[in-house]
Amino acid sequence: MRQGIFMKLETLVLIEDRLHPGSTQIYLEHIKEDVPEFFVPVGDYNKPIGYLKFKNIAKKGCFELSSLESLDYPNPHPQFSLTGVLYSRQAALEAHHAISAYQQAINQIDPP
């Protein structure tokens, strides 16, 4: 049995139509795993429809959407779950600013 791979991300960027119309690339920064491909389950949580397959291209951390695989694809590994809340760029920047301001205030009270 394979062990799970934990991919902690600090930055994830999706770029559409970069190389040609319809292309999608994803950049993952500061990942510790060096994998040639990964899969993202798609569909409703209770009714999955398959897996998006991303392949590493050009350099480490740069992946391109290569295919949609069916549910019976043999051992789609590693899987990268995108569960949770996705924010617009503006909302993410506002949240980052608020967290940074809080961290600065804490550091003034109790320096590291």
PDB file of N, CA and C in Angstrom:
ATOM      1  N   MET A   1       0.842  -1.181   0.000  1.00  0.00           N
ATOM      2  CA  MET A   1       0.000   0.000   0.000  1.00  0.00           C
ATOM      3  C   MET A   1       0.888   1.245   0.000  1.00  0.00           C
ATOM      4  N   ARG A   2       0.564   2.206  -0.822  1.00  0.00           N
ATOM      5  CA  ARG A   2       1.340   3.437  -0.921  1.00  0.00           C
ATOM      6  C   ARG A   2       1.016   4.377   0.226  1.00  0.00           C
ATOM      7  N   GLN A   3       2.047   5.085   0.664  1.00  0.00           N
ATOM      8  CA  GLN A   3       1.823   6.117   1.661  1.00  0.00           C
ATOM      9  C   GLN A   3       1.368   7.381   0.958  1.00  0.00           C
ATOM     10  N   GLY A   4       0.583   8.179   1.658  1.00  0.00           N
ATOM     11  CA  GLY A   4       0.121   9.434   1.091  1.00  0.00           C
ATOM     12  C   GLY A   4       1.249  10.447   0.987  1.00  0.00           C
ATOM     13  N   ILE A   5       1.141  11.324   0.027  1.00  0.00           N
ATOM     14  CA  ILE A   5       2.097  12.413  -0.122  1.00  0.00           C
ATOM     15  C   ILE A   5       1.410  13.684   0.330  1.00  0.00           C
ATOM     16  N   PHE A   6       2.047  14.384   1.224  1.00  0.00           N
ATOM     17  CA  PHE A   6       1.497  15.638   1.721  1.00  0.00           C
ATOM     18  C   PHE A   6       2.172  16.769   0.969  1.00  0.00           C
ATOM     19  N   MET A   7       1.397  17.557   0.261  1.00  0.00           N
ATOM     20  CA  MET A   7       1.946  18.661  -0.510  1.00  0.00           C
ATOM     21  C   MET A   7       1.465  19.962   0.111  1.00  0.00           C
ATOM     22  N   LYS A   8       2.307  20.583   0.922  1.00  0.00           N
ATOM     23  CA  LYS A   8       1.950  21.864   1.529  1.00  0.00           C
ATOM     24  C   LYS A   8       2.248  22.973   0.531  1.00  0.00           C
ATOM     25  N   LEU A   9       1.273  23.805   0.295  1.00  0.00           N
ATOM     26  CA  LEU A   9       1.420  24.867  -0.690  1.00  0.00           C
ATOM     27  C   LEU A   9       1.399  26.228  -0.028  1.00  0.00           C
ATOM     28  N   GLU A  10       2.270  27.087  -0.488  1.00  0.00           N
ATOM     29  CA  GLU A  10       2.206  28.480  -0.081  1.00  0.00           C
ATOM     30  C   GLU A  10       1.583  29.310  -1.188  1.00  0.00           C
ATOM     31  N   THR A  11       1.800  28.898  -2.423  1.00  0.00           N
ATOM     32  CA  THR A  11       1.257  29.632  -3.557  1.00  0.00           C
ATOM     33  C   THR A  11       0.806  28.655  -4.625  1.00  0.00           C
ATOM     34  N   LEU A  12      -0.379  28.879  -5.149  1.00  0.00           N
ATOM     35  CA  LEU A  12      -0.908  28.096  -6.253  1.00  0.00           C
ATOM     36  C   LEU A  12      -1.461  29.088  -7.264  1.00  0.00           C
ATOM     37  N   VAL A  13      -0.986  29.010  -8.488  1.00  0.00           N
ATOM     38  CA  VAL A  13      -1.425  29.938  -9.524  1.00  0.00           C
ATOM     39  C   VAL A  13      -1.923  29.146 -10.719  1.00  0.00           C
ATOM     40  N   LEU A  14      -3.140  29.431 -11.165  1.00  0.00           N
ATOM     41  CA  LEU A  14      -3.685  28.824 -12.379  1.00  0.00           C
ATOM     42  C   LEU A  14      -3.592  29.832 -13.510  1.00  0.00           C
ATOM     43  N   ILE A  15      -3.087  29.393 -14.657  1.00  0.00           N
ATOM     44  CA  ILE A  15      -2.960  30.272 -15.815  1.00  0.00           C
ATOM     45  C   ILE A  15      -3.672  29.622 -16.993  1.00  0.00           C
ATOM     46  N   GLU A  16      -4.661  30.320 -17.528  1.00  0.00           N
ATOM     47  CA  GLU A  16      -5.400  29.812 -18.683  1.00  0.00           C
ATOM     48  C   GLU A  16      -4.854  30.410 -19.970  1.00  0.00           C
ATOM     49  N   ASP A  17      -4.922  29.628 -21.036  1.00  0.00           N
ATOM     50  CA  ASP A  17      -4.588  30.070 -22.395  1.00  0.00           C
ATOM     51  C   ASP A  17      -3.174  30.642 -22.522  1.00  0.00           C
ATOM     52  N   ARG A  18      -2.220  30.174 -21.729  1.00  0.00           N
ATOM     53  CA  ARG A  18      -0.865  30.731 -21.789  1.00  0.00           C
ATOM     54  C   ARG A  18      -0.123  30.271 -23.035  1.00  0.00           C
ATOM     55  N   LEU A  19      -0.100  28.969 -23.266  1.00  0.00           N
ATOM     56  CA  LEU A  19       0.645  28.443 -24.407  1.00  0.00           C
ATOM     57  C   LEU A  19      -0.174  28.451 -25.687  1.00  0.00           C
ATOM     58  N   HIS A  20      -1.448  28.156 -25.547  1.00  0.00           N
ATOM     59  CA  HIS A  20      -2.362  28.145 -26.690  1.00  0.00           C
ATOM     60  C   HIS A  20      -3.785  28.191 -26.149  1.00  0.00           C
ATOM     61  N   PRO A  21      -4.767  28.550 -26.981  1.00  0.00           N
ATOM     62  CA  PRO A  21      -6.150  28.606 -26.497  1.00  0.00           C
ATOM     63  C   PRO A  21      -6.576  27.259 -25.901  1.00  0.00           C
ATOM     64  N   GLY A  22      -7.149  27.307 -24.738  1.00  0.00           N
ATOM     65  CA  GLY A  22      -7.626  26.093 -24.078  1.00  0.00           C
ATOM     66  C   GLY A  22      -6.602  25.443 -23.163  1.00  0.00           C
ATOM     67  N   SER A  23      -5.351  25.926 -23.140  1.00  0.00           N
ATOM     68  CA  SER A  23      -4.354  25.316 -22.255  1.00  0.00           C
ATOM     69  C   SER A  23      -4.526  25.863 -20.839  1.00  0.00           C
ATOM     70  N   THR A  24      -4.231  25.023 -19.869  1.00  0.00           N
ATOM     71  CA  THR A  24      -4.274  25.437 -18.473  1.00  0.00           C
ATOM     72  C   THR A  24      -3.002  24.971 -17.796  1.00  0.00           C
ATOM     73  N   GLN A  25      -2.300  25.877 -17.152  1.00  0.00           N
ATOM     74  CA  GLN A  25      -1.110  25.521 -16.387  1.00  0.00           C
ATOM     75  C   GLN A  25      -1.351  25.860 -14.928  1.00  0.00           C
ATOM     76  N   ILE A  26      -0.690  25.114 -14.073  1.00  0.00           N
ATOM     77  CA  ILE A  26      -0.776  25.367 -12.643  1.00  0.00           C
ATOM     78  C   ILE A  26       0.648  25.424 -12.098  1.00  0.00           C
ATOM     79  N   TYR A  27       0.940  26.449 -11.323  1.00  0.00           N
ATOM     80  CA  TYR A  27       2.248  26.595 -10.691  1.00  0.00           C
ATOM     81  C   TYR A  27       2.090  26.365  -9.199  1.00  0.00           C
ATOM     82  N   LEU A  28       2.893  25.455  -8.659  1.00  0.00           N
ATOM     83  CA  LEU A  28       2.894  25.175  -7.230  1.00  0.00           C
ATOM     84  C   LEU A  28       4.254  25.592  -6.698  1.00  0.00           C
ATOM     85  N   GLU A  29       4.284  26.535  -5.781  1.00  0.00           N
ATOM     86  CA  GLU A  29       5.555  27.004  -5.235  1.00  0.00           C
ATOM     87  C   GLU A  29       5.816  26.389  -3.872  1.00  0.00           C
ATOM     88  N   HIS A  30       7.078  26.152  -3.592  1.00  0.00           N
ATOM     89  CA  HIS A  30       7.547  25.657  -2.297  1.00  0.00           C
ATOM     90  C   HIS A  30       7.003  24.269  -1.969  1.00  0.00           C
ATOM     91  N   ILE A  31       6.885  23.397  -2.973  1.00  0.00           N
ATOM     92  CA  ILE A  31       6.481  22.024  -2.677  1.00  0.00           C
ATOM     93  C   ILE A  31       7.740  21.197  -2.473  1.00  0.00           C
ATOM     94  N   LYS A  32       7.666  20.240  -1.584  1.00  0.00           N
ATOM     95  CA  LYS A  32       8.831  19.415  -1.282  1.00  0.00           C
ATOM     96  C   LYS A  32       8.854  18.137  -2.112  1.00  0.00           C
ATOM     97  N   GLU A  33       7.726  17.738  -2.646  1.00  0.00           N
ATOM     98  CA  GLU A  33       7.667  16.518  -3.435  1.00  0.00           C
ATOM     99  C   GLU A  33       8.018  16.805  -4.884  1.00  0.00           C
ATOM    100  N   ASP A  34       8.780  15.913  -5.485  1.00  0.00           N
ATOM    101  CA  ASP A  34       9.148  16.036  -6.890  1.00  0.00           C
ATOM    102  C   ASP A  34       8.398  14.938  -7.640  1.00  0.00           C
ATOM    103  N   VAL A  35       7.202  15.241  -8.096  1.00  0.00           N
ATOM    104  CA  VAL A  35       6.369  14.250  -8.771  1.00  0.00           C
ATOM    105  C   VAL A  35       6.196  14.638 -10.239  1.00  0.00           C
ATOM    106  N   PRO A  36       6.168  13.645 -11.139  1.00  0.00           N
ATOM    107  CA  PRO A  36       6.001  13.944 -12.559  1.00  0.00           C
ATOM    108  C   PRO A  36       4.563  14.281 -12.935  1.00  0.00           C
ATOM    109  N   GLU A  37       3.617  13.862 -12.101  1.00  0.00           N
ATOM    110  CA  GLU A  37       2.203  14.115 -12.372  1.00  0.00           C
ATOM    111  C   GLU A  37       1.424  14.000 -11.072  1.00  0.00           C
ATOM    112  N   PHE A  38       0.223  14.583 -11.076  1.00  0.00           N
ATOM    113  CA  PHE A  38      -0.691  14.392  -9.958  1.00  0.00           C
ATOM    114  C   PHE A  38      -2.114  14.487 -10.481  1.00  0.00           C
ATOM    115  N   PHE A  39      -3.059  14.062  -9.656  1.00  0.00           N
ATOM    116  CA  PHE A  39      -4.459  13.991 -10.048  1.00  0.00           C
ATOM    117  C   PHE A  39      -5.311  14.812  -9.090  1.00  0.00           C
ATOM    118  N   VAL A  40      -6.346  15.418  -9.638  1.00  0.00           N
ATOM    119  CA  VAL A  40      -7.300  16.179  -8.840  1.00  0.00           C
ATOM    120  C   VAL A  40      -8.679  15.566  -9.068  1.00  0.00           C
ATOM    121  N   PRO A  41      -9.307  15.013  -8.013  1.00  0.00           N
ATOM    122  CA  PRO A  41     -10.652  14.469  -8.179  1.00  0.00           C
ATOM    123  C   PRO A  41     -11.629  15.583  -8.557  1.00  0.00           C
ATOM    124  N   VAL A  42     -12.532  15.301  -9.478  1.00  0.00           N
ATOM    125  CA  VAL A  42     -13.532  16.294  -9.889  1.00  0.00           C
ATOM    126  C   VAL A  42     -14.929  15.710  -9.790  1.00  0.00           C
ATOM    127  N   GLY A  43     -15.888  16.605  -9.622  1.00  0.00           N
ATOM    128  CA  GLY A  43     -17.278  16.207  -9.480  1.00  0.00           C
ATOM    129  C   GLY A  43     -17.760  16.524  -8.081  1.00  0.00           C
ATOM    130  N   ASP A  44     -18.991  16.214  -7.831  1.00  0.00           N
ATOM    131  CA  ASP A  44     -19.572  16.405  -6.514  1.00  0.00           C
ATOM    132  C   ASP A  44     -18.872  15.477  -5.524  1.00  0.00           C
ATOM    133  N   TYR A  45     -18.729  15.928  -4.279  1.00  0.00           N
ATOM    134  CA  TYR A  45     -18.050  15.124  -3.258  1.00  0.00           C
ATOM    135  C   TYR A  45     -18.658  13.729  -3.153  1.00  0.00           C
ATOM    136  N   ASN A  46     -19.987  13.636  -3.244  1.00  0.00           N
ATOM    137  CA  ASN A  46     -20.670  12.348  -3.132  1.00  0.00           C
ATOM    138  C   ASN A  46     -20.777  11.609  -4.456  1.00  0.00           C
ATOM    139  N   LYS A  47     -20.563  12.313  -5.574  1.00  0.00           N
ATOM    140  CA  LYS A  47     -20.658  11.686  -6.895  1.00  0.00           C
ATOM    141  C   LYS A  47     -19.500  12.157  -7.771  1.00  0.00           C
ATOM    142  N   PRO A  48     -18.302  11.622  -7.520  1.00  0.00           N
ATOM    143  CA  PRO A  48     -17.164  12.028  -8.351  1.00  0.00           C
ATOM    144  C   PRO A  48     -17.360  11.566  -9.790  1.00  0.00           C
ATOM    145  N   ILE A  49     -16.772  12.311 -10.732  1.00  0.00           N
ATOM    146  CA  ILE A  49     -16.905  11.933 -12.147  1.00  0.00           C
ATOM    147  C   ILE A  49     -15.580  11.490 -12.760  1.00  0.00           C
ATOM    148  N   GLY A  50     -14.484  11.759 -12.085  1.00  0.00           N
ATOM    149  CA  GLY A  50     -13.192  11.355 -12.614  1.00  0.00           C
ATOM    150  C   GLY A  50     -12.060  12.153 -11.991  1.00  0.00           C
ATOM    151  N   TYR A  51     -10.947  12.236 -12.720  1.00  0.00           N
ATOM    152  CA  TYR A  51      -9.750  12.906 -12.221  1.00  0.00           C
ATOM    153  C   TYR A  51      -9.145  13.794 -13.301  1.00  0.00           C
ATOM    154  N   LEU A  52      -8.751  15.000 -12.921  1.00  0.00           N
ATOM    155  CA  LEU A  52      -7.950  15.837 -13.805  1.00  0.00           C
ATOM    156  C   LEU A  52      -6.505  15.406 -13.617  1.00  0.00           C
ATOM    157  N   LYS A  53      -5.825  15.138 -14.719  1.00  0.00           N
ATOM    158  CA  LYS A  53      -4.427  14.707 -14.658  1.00  0.00           C
ATOM    159  C   LYS A  53      -3.534  15.873 -15.074  1.00  0.00           C
ATOM    160  N   PHE A  54      -2.629  16.275 -14.184  1.00  0.00           N
ATOM    161  CA  PHE A  54      -1.670  17.341 -14.456  1.00  0.00           C
ATOM    162  C   PHE A  54      -0.283  16.728 -14.584  1.00  0.00           C
ATOM    163  N   LYS A  55       0.454  17.109 -15.631  1.00  0.00           N
ATOM    164  CA  LYS A  55       1.817  16.616 -15.846  1.00  0.00           C
ATOM    165  C   LYS A  55       2.818  17.752 -15.675  1.00  0.00           C
ATOM    166  N   ASN A  56       3.963  17.401 -15.087  1.00  0.00           N
ATOM    167  CA  ASN A  56       5.050  18.361 -14.905  1.00  0.00           C
ATOM    168  C   ASN A  56       5.654  18.717 -16.257  1.00  0.00           C
ATOM    169  N   ILE A  57       5.803  20.026 -16.508  1.00  0.00           N
ATOM    170  CA  ILE A  57       6.419  20.476 -17.759  1.00  0.00           C
ATOM    171  C   ILE A  57       7.444  21.553 -17.450  1.00  0.00           C
ATOM    172  N   ALA A  58       8.378  21.713 -18.302  1.00  0.00           N
ATOM    173  CA  ALA A  58       9.354  22.807 -18.269  1.00  0.00           C
ATOM    174  C   ALA A  58      10.248  22.812 -17.026  1.00  0.00           C
ATOM    175  N   LYS A  59       9.687  22.985 -15.841  1.00  0.00           N
ATOM    176  CA  LYS A  59      10.501  23.054 -14.626  1.00  0.00           C
ATOM    177  C   LYS A  59       9.705  22.536 -13.439  1.00  0.00           C
ATOM    178  N   LYS A  60      10.394  22.279 -12.341  1.00  0.00           N
ATOM    179  CA  LYS A  60       9.733  21.786 -11.135  1.00  0.00           C
ATOM    180  C   LYS A  60       8.675  22.784 -10.678  1.00  0.00           C
ATOM    181  N   GLY A  61       7.508  22.264 -10.363  1.00  0.00           N
ATOM    182  CA  GLY A  61       6.428  23.114  -9.872  1.00  0.00           C
ATOM    183  C   GLY A  61       5.512  23.648 -10.946  1.00  0.00           C
ATOM    184  N   CYS A  62       5.829  23.401 -12.216  1.00  0.00           N
ATOM    185  CA  CYS A  62       4.982  23.865 -13.321  1.00  0.00           C
ATOM    186  C   CYS A  62       4.286  22.658 -13.938  1.00  0.00           C
ATOM    187  N   PHE A  63       2.980  22.631 -13.841  1.00  0.00           N
ATOM    188  CA  PHE A  63       2.199  21.502 -14.334  1.00  0.00           C
ATOM    189  C   PHE A  63       1.181  21.989 -15.348  1.00  0.00           C
ATOM    190  N   GLU A  64       0.868  21.121 -16.302  1.00  0.00           N
ATOM    191  CA  GLU A  64      -0.135  21.449 -17.302  1.00  0.00           C
ATOM    192  C   GLU A  64      -1.229  20.392 -17.266  1.00  0.00           C
ATOM    193  N   LEU A  65      -2.466  20.841 -17.359  1.00  0.00           N
ATOM    194  CA  LEU A  65      -3.592  19.923 -17.423  1.00  0.00           C
ATOM    195  C   LEU A  65      -3.466  19.111 -18.698  1.00  0.00           C
ATOM    196  N   SER A  66      -3.361  17.789 -18.561  1.00  0.00           N
ATOM    197  CA  SER A  66      -3.140  16.961 -19.741  1.00  0.00           C
ATOM    198  C   SER A  66      -4.350  16.134 -20.138  1.00  0.00           C
ATOM    199  N   SER A  67      -5.193  15.759 -19.163  1.00  0.00           N
ATOM    200  CA  SER A  67      -6.344  14.936 -19.536  1.00  0.00           C
ATOM    201  C   SER A  67      -7.358  14.851 -18.396  1.00  0.00           C
ATOM    202  N   LEU A  68      -8.539  14.385 -18.752  1.00  0.00           N
ATOM    203  CA  LEU A  68      -9.573  14.033 -17.781  1.00  0.00           C
ATOM    204  C   LEU A  68      -9.678  12.525 -17.813  1.00  0.00           C
ATOM    205  N   GLU A  69      -9.392  11.887 -16.686  1.00  0.00           N
ATOM    206  CA  GLU A  69      -9.417  10.427 -16.603  1.00  0.00           C
ATOM    207  C   GLU A  69     -10.705   9.969 -15.930  1.00  0.00           C
ATOM    208  N   SER A  70     -11.169   8.788 -16.305  1.00  0.00           N
ATOM    209  CA  SER A  70     -12.409   8.240 -15.747  1.00  0.00           C
ATOM    210  C   SER A  70     -12.176   7.721 -14.329  1.00  0.00           C
ATOM    211  N   LEU A  71     -13.263   7.425 -13.645  1.00  0.00           N
ATOM    212  CA  LEU A  71     -13.174   6.920 -12.274  1.00  0.00           C
ATOM    213  C   LEU A  71     -12.455   5.583 -12.187  1.00  0.00           C
ATOM    214  N   ASP A  72     -12.443   4.812 -13.268  1.00  0.00           N
ATOM    215  CA  ASP A  72     -11.778   3.507 -13.228  1.00  0.00           C
ATOM    216  C   ASP A  72     -10.300   3.579 -13.634  1.00  0.00           C
ATOM    217  N   TYR A  73      -9.742   4.789 -13.693  1.00  0.00           N
ATOM    218  CA  TYR A  73      -8.310   4.947 -13.979  1.00  0.00           C
ATOM    219  C   TYR A  73      -7.524   4.210 -12.895  1.00  0.00           C
ATOM    220  N   PRO A  74      -6.559   3.366 -13.289  1.00  0.00           N
ATOM    221  CA  PRO A  74      -5.850   2.565 -12.287  1.00  0.00           C
ATOM    222  C   PRO A  74      -4.931   3.399 -11.392  1.00  0.00           C
ATOM    223  N   ASN A  75      -5.229   3.413 -10.117  1.00  0.00           N
ATOM    224  CA  ASN A  75      -4.411   4.034  -9.081  1.00  0.00           C
ATOM    225  C   ASN A  75      -3.969   5.465  -9.386  1.00  0.00           C
ATOM    226  N   PRO A  76      -4.897   6.416  -9.452  1.00  0.00           N
ATOM    227  CA  PRO A  76      -4.505   7.810  -9.674  1.00  0.00           C
ATOM    228  C   PRO A  76      -3.769   8.364  -8.449  1.00  0.00           C
ATOM    229  N   HIS A  77      -2.446   8.461  -8.553  1.00  0.00           N
ATOM    230  CA  HIS A  77      -1.628   8.802  -7.389  1.00  0.00           C
ATOM    231  C   HIS A  77      -0.484   9.700  -7.808  1.00  0.00           C
ATOM    232  N   PRO A  78      -0.110  10.710  -7.065  1.00  0.00           N
ATOM    233  CA  PRO A  78      -0.782  11.212  -5.869  1.00  0.00           C
ATOM    234  C   PRO A  78      -1.991  12.068  -6.239  1.00  0.00           C
ATOM    235  N   GLN A  79      -2.915  12.160  -5.293  1.00  0.00           N
ATOM    236  CA  GLN A  79      -4.097  12.993  -5.500  1.00  0.00           C
ATOM    237  C   GLN A  79      -3.939  14.287  -4.713  1.00  0.00           C
ATOM    238  N   PHE A  80      -4.362  15.341  -5.323  1.00  0.00           N
ATOM    239  CA  PHE A  80      -4.285  16.671  -4.732  1.00  0.00           C
ATOM    240  C   PHE A  80      -5.711  17.166  -4.585  1.00  0.00           C
ATOM    241  N   SER A  81      -6.157  17.333  -3.353  1.00  0.00           N
ATOM    242  CA  SER A  81      -7.532  17.739  -3.107  1.00  0.00           C
ATOM    243  C   SER A  81      -7.636  19.253  -3.046  1.00  0.00           C
ATOM    244  N   LEU A  82      -8.586  19.795  -3.774  1.00  0.00           N
ATOM    245  CA  LEU A  82      -8.823  21.237  -3.764  1.00  0.00           C
ATOM    246  C   LEU A  82     -10.045  21.584  -2.929  1.00  0.00           C
ATOM    247  N   THR A  83     -10.319  20.775  -1.905  1.00  0.00           N
ATOM    248  CA  THR A  83     -11.465  21.065  -1.054  1.00  0.00           C
ATOM    249  C   THR A  83     -11.181  22.292  -0.209  1.00  0.00           C
ATOM    250  N   GLY A  84     -12.210  22.963   0.187  1.00  0.00           N
ATOM    251  CA  GLY A  84     -12.063  24.163   0.992  1.00  0.00           C
ATOM    252  C   GLY A  84     -12.646  25.354   0.265  1.00  0.00           C
ATOM    253  N   VAL A  85     -12.202  26.508   0.635  1.00  0.00           N
ATOM    254  CA  VAL A  85     -12.744  27.741   0.086  1.00  0.00           C
ATOM    255  C   VAL A  85     -11.747  28.340  -0.892  1.00  0.00           C
ATOM    256  N   LEU A  86     -12.222  28.709  -2.058  1.00  0.00           N
ATOM    257  CA  LEU A  86     -11.392  29.413  -3.026  1.00  0.00           C
ATOM    258  C   LEU A  86     -11.761  30.884  -2.980  1.00  0.00           C
ATOM    259  N   TYR A  87     -10.775  31.733  -2.937  1.00  0.00           N
ATOM    260  CA  TYR A  87     -11.000  33.167  -2.846  1.00  0.00           C
ATOM    261  C   TYR A  87     -10.658  33.851  -4.158  1.00  0.00           C
ATOM    262  N   SER A  88     -11.339  34.950  -4.418  1.00  0.00           N
ATOM    263  CA  SER A  88     -10.926  35.786  -5.544  1.00  0.00           C
ATOM    264  C   SER A  88      -9.570  36.386  -5.190  1.00  0.00           C
ATOM    265  N   ARG A  89      -8.849  36.871  -6.184  1.00  0.00           N
ATOM    266  CA  ARG A  89      -7.528  37.459  -5.931  1.00  0.00           C
ATOM    267  C   ARG A  89      -7.638  38.609  -4.936  1.00  0.00           C
ATOM    268  N   GLN A  90      -8.636  39.463  -5.106  1.00  0.00           N
ATOM    269  CA  GLN A  90      -8.795  40.613  -4.209  1.00  0.00           C
ATOM    270  C   GLN A  90      -9.067  40.160  -2.776  1.00  0.00           C
ATOM    271  N   ALA A  91      -9.945  39.180  -2.605  1.00  0.00           N
ATOM    272  CA  ALA A  91     -10.251  38.690  -1.258  1.00  0.00           C
ATOM    273  C   ALA A  91      -9.021  38.042  -0.627  1.00  0.00           C
ATOM    274  N   ALA A  92      -8.234  37.325  -1.423  1.00  0.00           N
ATOM    275  CA  ALA A  92      -7.015  36.701  -0.903  1.00  0.00           C
ATOM    276  C   ALA A  92      -6.009  37.761  -0.465  1.00  0.00           C
ATOM    277  N   LEU A  93      -5.858  38.826  -1.262  1.00  0.00           N
ATOM    278  CA  LEU A  93      -4.938  39.907  -0.896  1.00  0.00           C
ATOM    279  C   LEU A  93      -5.385  40.606   0.385  1.00  0.00           C
ATOM    280  N   GLU A  94      -6.685  40.832   0.522  1.00  0.00           N
ATOM    281  CA  GLU A  94      -7.204  41.474   1.729  1.00  0.00           C
ATOM    282  C   GLU A  94      -6.978  40.594   2.959  1.00  0.00           C
ATOM    283  N   ALA A  95      -7.207  39.290   2.809  1.00  0.00           N
ATOM    284  CA  ALA A  95      -6.982  38.367   3.919  1.00  0.00           C
ATOM    285  C   ALA A  95      -5.502  38.325   4.286  1.00  0.00           C
ATOM    286  N   HIS A  96      -4.633  38.284   3.283  1.00  0.00           N
ATOM    287  CA  HIS A  96      -3.188  38.276   3.536  1.00  0.00           C
ATOM    288  C   HIS A  96      -2.758  39.546   4.269  1.00  0.00           C
ATOM    289  N   HIS A  97      -3.281  40.689   3.855  1.00  0.00           N
ATOM    290  CA  HIS A  97      -2.952  41.965   4.500  1.00  0.00           C
ATOM    291  C   HIS A  97      -3.388  41.952   5.968  1.00  0.00           C
ATOM    292  N   ALA A  98      -4.590  41.461   6.229  1.00  0.00           N
ATOM    293  CA  ALA A  98      -5.100  41.415   7.607  1.00  0.00           C
ATOM    294  C   ALA A  98      -4.246  40.488   8.474  1.00  0.00           C
ATOM    295  N   ILE A  99      -3.858  39.339   7.933  1.00  0.00           N
ATOM    296  CA  ILE A  99      -3.033  38.390   8.693  1.00  0.00           C
ATOM    297  C   ILE A  99      -1.651  38.983   8.952  1.00  0.00           C
ATOM    298  N   SER A 100      -1.071  39.635   7.945  1.00  0.00           N
ATOM    299  CA  SER A 100       0.254  40.257   8.101  1.00  0.00           C
ATOM    300  C   SER A 100       0.228  41.353   9.159  1.00  0.00           C
ATOM    301  N   ALA A 101      -0.819  42.176   9.157  1.00  0.00           N
ATOM    302  CA  ALA A 101      -0.947  43.239  10.155  1.00  0.00           C
ATOM    303  C   ALA A 101      -1.053  42.643  11.559  1.00  0.00           C
ATOM    304  N   TYR A 102      -1.803  41.559  11.693  1.00  0.00           N
ATOM    305  CA  TYR A 102      -1.947  40.884  12.982  1.00  0.00           C
ATOM    306  C   TYR A 102      -0.596  40.336  13.445  1.00  0.00           C
ATOM    307  N   GLN A 103       0.147  39.686  12.531  1.00  0.00           N
ATOM    308  CA  GLN A 103       1.451  39.128  12.892  1.00  0.00           C
ATOM    309  C   GLN A 103       2.429  40.223  13.311  1.00  0.00           C
ATOM    310  N   GLN A 104       2.408  41.363  12.638  1.00  0.00           N
ATOM    311  CA  GLN A 104       3.282  42.476  13.008  1.00  0.00           C
ATOM    312  C   GLN A 104       2.936  43.003  14.400  1.00  0.00           C
ATOM    313  N   ALA A 105       1.653  43.108  14.691  1.00  0.00           N
ATOM    314  CA  ALA A 105       1.226  43.583  16.010  1.00  0.00           C
ATOM    315  C   ALA A 105       1.677  42.617  17.104  1.00  0.00           C
ATOM    316  N   ILE A 106       1.547  41.328  16.864  1.00  0.00           N
ATOM    317  CA  ILE A 106       1.982  40.316  17.839  1.00  0.00           C
ATOM    318  C   ILE A 106       3.491  40.390  18.043  1.00  0.00           C
ATOM    319  N   ASN A 107       4.249  40.562  16.965  1.00  0.00           N
ATOM    320  CA  ASN A 107       5.712  40.638  17.064  1.00  0.00           C
ATOM    321  C   ASN A 107       6.170  41.863  17.851  1.00  0.00           C
ATOM    322  N   GLN A 108       5.394  42.941  17.824  1.00  0.00           N
ATOM    323  CA  GLN A 108       5.744  44.125  18.609  1.00  0.00           C
ATOM    324  C   GLN A 108       5.508  43.884  20.095  1.00  0.00           C
ATOM    325  N   ILE A 109       4.481  43.102  20.406  1.00  0.00           N
ATOM    326  CA  ILE A 109       4.167  42.792  21.802  1.00  0.00           C
ATOM    327  C   ILE A 109       5.153  41.764  22.352  1.00  0.00           C
ATOM    328  N   ASP A 110       5.393  40.712  21.561  1.00  0.00           N
ATOM    329  CA  ASP A 110       6.254  39.606  21.997  1.00  0.00           C
ATOM    330  C   ASP A 110       7.234  39.275  20.874  1.00  0.00           C
ATOM    331  N   PRO A 111       8.376  40.003  20.799  1.00  0.00           N
ATOM    332  CA  PRO A 111       9.332  39.764  19.708  1.00  0.00           C
ATOM    333  C   PRO A 111       9.820  38.317  19.696  1.00  0.00           C
ATOM    334  N   PRO A 112      10.107  37.783  18.493  1.00  0.00           N
ATOM    335  CA  PRO A 112      10.558  36.373  18.391  1.00  0.00           C
ATOM    336  C   PRO A 112      11.878  36.118  19.059  1.00  0.00           C
TER     337      PRO A 112
END
